[in-house]
Amino acid sequence: MTRTRAKKPPVEPGLIPAPGGLLDWREAQHFDRWQDRPCALCDQPTPMRSHAGEPVHKCCAESWIAANPVEARLGRFASDVQAGRRRGDDHA
């Protein structure tokens, strides 16, 4: 009997923050602990990943949303879905 490792489902995107708002990227899938890759927006190395796996700093993504509010509605960068959050659990 062979075991196959079940792949984790991709992170489901949640809400797109308002321009100037902060992304909530708490899920581990946003962090690649093995490899830094050039940010899609600033070309500096980053371990961070968007929901689609695009390498991007969280602050670069937030700045992009603020500068491109119309395009941001298409969902390039979004927060994590927050199901069952507890009250007072609002750390960044």
C-alpha atoms as a PDB file:
ATOM      1  CA  MET A   1       0.000   0.000   0.000  1.00  0.00           C
ATOM      2  CA  THR A   2       1.484   3.320  -1.038  1.00  0.00           C
ATOM      3  CA  ARG A   3       0.586   6.602   0.503  1.00  0.00           C
ATOM      4  CA  THR A   4       0.216   9.649  -1.653  1.00  0.00           C
ATOM      5  CA  ARG A   5       0.617  13.015  -0.136  1.00  0.00           C
ATOM      6  CA  ALA A   6      -2.489  15.116  -0.635  1.00  0.00           C
ATOM      7  CA  LYS A   7      -1.735  18.490  -2.133  1.00  0.00           C
ATOM      8  CA  LYS A   8      -2.967  21.437  -0.148  1.00  0.00           C
ATOM      9  CA  PRO A   9      -5.626  23.385  -2.009  1.00  0.00           C
ATOM     10  CA  PRO A  10      -4.530  26.840  -3.159  1.00  0.00           C
ATOM     11  CA  VAL A  11      -5.318  29.735  -0.867  1.00  0.00           C
ATOM     12  CA  GLU A  12      -8.749  31.067  -1.653  1.00  0.00           C
ATOM     13  CA  PRO A  13      -8.699  34.840  -2.219  1.00  0.00           C
ATOM     14  CA  GLY A  14     -10.914  36.954  -0.033  1.00  0.00           C
ATOM     15  CA  LEU A  15     -11.644  40.657  -0.167  1.00  0.00           C
ATOM     16  CA  ILE A  16      -9.568  43.219  -2.016  1.00  0.00           C
ATOM     17  CA  PRO A  17      -8.698  45.984   0.449  1.00  0.00           C
ATOM     18  CA  ALA A  18      -9.675  49.569  -0.310  1.00  0.00           C
ATOM     19  CA  PRO A  19      -6.832  51.710  -1.703  1.00  0.00           C
ATOM     20  CA  GLY A  20      -4.579  52.510   1.246  1.00  0.00           C
ATOM     21  CA  GLY A  21      -5.868  49.463   3.152  1.00  0.00           C
ATOM     22  CA  LEU A  22      -3.777  46.523   4.307  1.00  0.00           C
ATOM     23  CA  LEU A  23      -3.771  42.991   2.945  1.00  0.00           C
ATOM     24  CA  ASP A  24      -4.345  40.183   5.438  1.00  0.00           C
ATOM     25  CA  TRP A  25      -1.925  37.436   4.378  1.00  0.00           C
ATOM     26  CA  ARG A  26      -1.809  35.108   7.408  1.00  0.00           C
ATOM     27  CA  GLU A  27      -1.908  31.803   5.537  1.00  0.00           C
ATOM     28  CA  ALA A  28       1.423  29.972   5.289  1.00  0.00           C
ATOM     29  CA  GLN A  29       1.043  29.653   1.515  1.00  0.00           C
ATOM     30  CA  HIS A  30       2.009  33.327   1.227  1.00  0.00           C
ATOM     31  CA  PHE A  31       5.532  32.545   2.441  1.00  0.00           C
ATOM     32  CA  ASP A  32       8.097  30.421   0.590  1.00  0.00           C
ATOM     33  CA  ARG A  33      10.635  29.453   3.222  1.00  0.00           C
ATOM     34  CA  TRP A  34      12.860  27.753   0.649  1.00  0.00           C
ATOM     35  CA  GLN A  35      13.402  30.357  -2.052  1.00  0.00           C
ATOM     36  CA  ASP A  36      13.404  34.123  -2.454  1.00  0.00           C
ATOM     37  CA  ARG A  37      12.397  35.272  -5.918  1.00  0.00           C
ATOM     38  CA  PRO A  38      12.364  38.779  -7.458  1.00  0.00           C
ATOM     39  CA  CYS A  39       9.252  40.775  -6.558  1.00  0.00           C
ATOM     40  CA  ALA A  40       6.996  41.228  -9.599  1.00  0.00           C
ATOM     41  CA  LEU A  41       6.716  44.933  -8.758  1.00  0.00           C
ATOM     42  CA  CYS A  42      10.134  46.071  -7.437  1.00  0.00           C
ATOM     43  CA  ASP A  43      12.528  43.260  -8.531  1.00  0.00           C
ATOM     44  CA  GLN A  44      13.993  42.904  -5.006  1.00  0.00           C
ATOM     45  CA  PRO A  45      14.127  39.348  -3.548  1.00  0.00           C
ATOM     46  CA  THR A  46      11.135  38.237  -1.506  1.00  0.00           C
ATOM     47  CA  PRO A  47       9.853  35.028   0.089  1.00  0.00           C
ATOM     48  CA  MET A  48       6.277  36.373  -0.107  1.00  0.00           C
ATOM     49  CA  ARG A  49       3.764  35.030  -2.641  1.00  0.00           C
ATOM     50  CA  SER A  50       0.351  36.237  -3.775  1.00  0.00           C
ATOM     51  CA  HIS A  51      -2.658  33.903  -3.930  1.00  0.00           C
ATOM     52  CA  ALA A  52      -1.634  33.004  -7.483  1.00  0.00           C
ATOM     53  CA  GLY A  53       1.953  32.239  -6.397  1.00  0.00           C
ATOM     54  CA  GLU A  54       3.336  35.480  -7.836  1.00  0.00           C
ATOM     55  CA  PRO A  55       6.403  36.653  -5.865  1.00  0.00           C
ATOM     56  CA  VAL A  56       5.562  40.045  -4.386  1.00  0.00           C
ATOM     57  CA  HIS A  57       6.214  41.967  -1.174  1.00  0.00           C
ATOM     58  CA  LYS A  58       3.021  42.578   0.785  1.00  0.00           C
ATOM     59  CA  CYS A  59       3.812  46.306   0.952  1.00  0.00           C
ATOM     60  CA  CYS A  60       4.433  46.417  -2.831  1.00  0.00           C
ATOM     61  CA  ALA A  61       1.049  44.747  -3.423  1.00  0.00           C
ATOM     62  CA  GLU A  62      -0.661  47.244  -1.097  1.00  0.00           C
ATOM     63  CA  SER A  63       1.015  50.165  -2.908  1.00  0.00           C
ATOM     64  CA  TRP A  64      -0.020  48.694  -6.273  1.00  0.00           C
ATOM     65  CA  ILE A  65      -3.646  48.457  -5.096  1.00  0.00           C
ATOM     66  CA  ALA A  66      -3.551  52.113  -4.018  1.00  0.00           C
ATOM     67  CA  ALA A  67      -2.052  53.224  -7.354  1.00  0.00           C
ATOM     68  CA  ASN A  68      -4.303  50.987  -9.518  1.00  0.00           C
ATOM     69  CA  PRO A  69      -7.724  50.889  -7.819  1.00  0.00           C
ATOM     70  CA  VAL A  70      -9.640  49.978 -11.000  1.00  0.00           C
ATOM     71  CA  GLU A  71      -7.306  47.110 -11.972  1.00  0.00           C
ATOM     72  CA  ALA A  72      -7.191  45.993  -8.320  1.00  0.00           C
ATOM     73  CA  ARG A  73     -10.874  45.039  -8.545  1.00  0.00           C
ATOM     74  CA  LEU A  74      -9.861  42.233 -10.925  1.00  0.00           C
ATOM     75  CA  GLY A  75      -8.267  40.516  -7.922  1.00  0.00           C
ATOM     76  CA  ARG A  76      -4.534  40.396  -8.657  1.00  0.00           C
ATOM     77  CA  PHE A  77      -3.882  40.794  -4.917  1.00  0.00           C
ATOM     78  CA  ALA A  78      -6.482  39.956  -2.252  1.00  0.00           C
ATOM     79  CA  SER A  79      -6.678  39.219   1.442  1.00  0.00           C
ATOM     80  CA  ASP A  80      -7.178  35.731   2.828  1.00  0.00           C
ATOM     81  CA  VAL A  81     -10.706  34.524   3.450  1.00  0.00           C
ATOM     82  CA  GLN A  82     -11.429  35.064   7.132  1.00  0.00           C
ATOM     83  CA  ALA A  83     -13.799  32.392   8.354  1.00  0.00           C
ATOM     84  CA  GLY A  84     -14.632  32.259  12.024  1.00  0.00           C
ATOM     85  CA  ARG A  85     -12.219  34.931  13.218  1.00  0.00           C
ATOM     86  CA  ARG A  86     -12.344  35.678  16.889  1.00  0.00           C
ATOM     87  CA  ARG A  87     -13.006  39.123  18.242  1.00  0.00           C
ATOM     88  CA  GLY A  88      -9.829  41.028  19.034  1.00  0.00           C
ATOM     89  CA  ASP A  89      -7.801  38.930  16.581  1.00  0.00           C
ATOM     90  CA  ASP A  90      -6.756  41.859  14.394  1.00  0.00           C
ATOM     91  CA  HIS A  91      -2.964  41.862  14.457  1.00  0.00           C
ATOM     92  CA  ALA A  92      -1.202  42.588  11.165  1.00  0.00           C
END
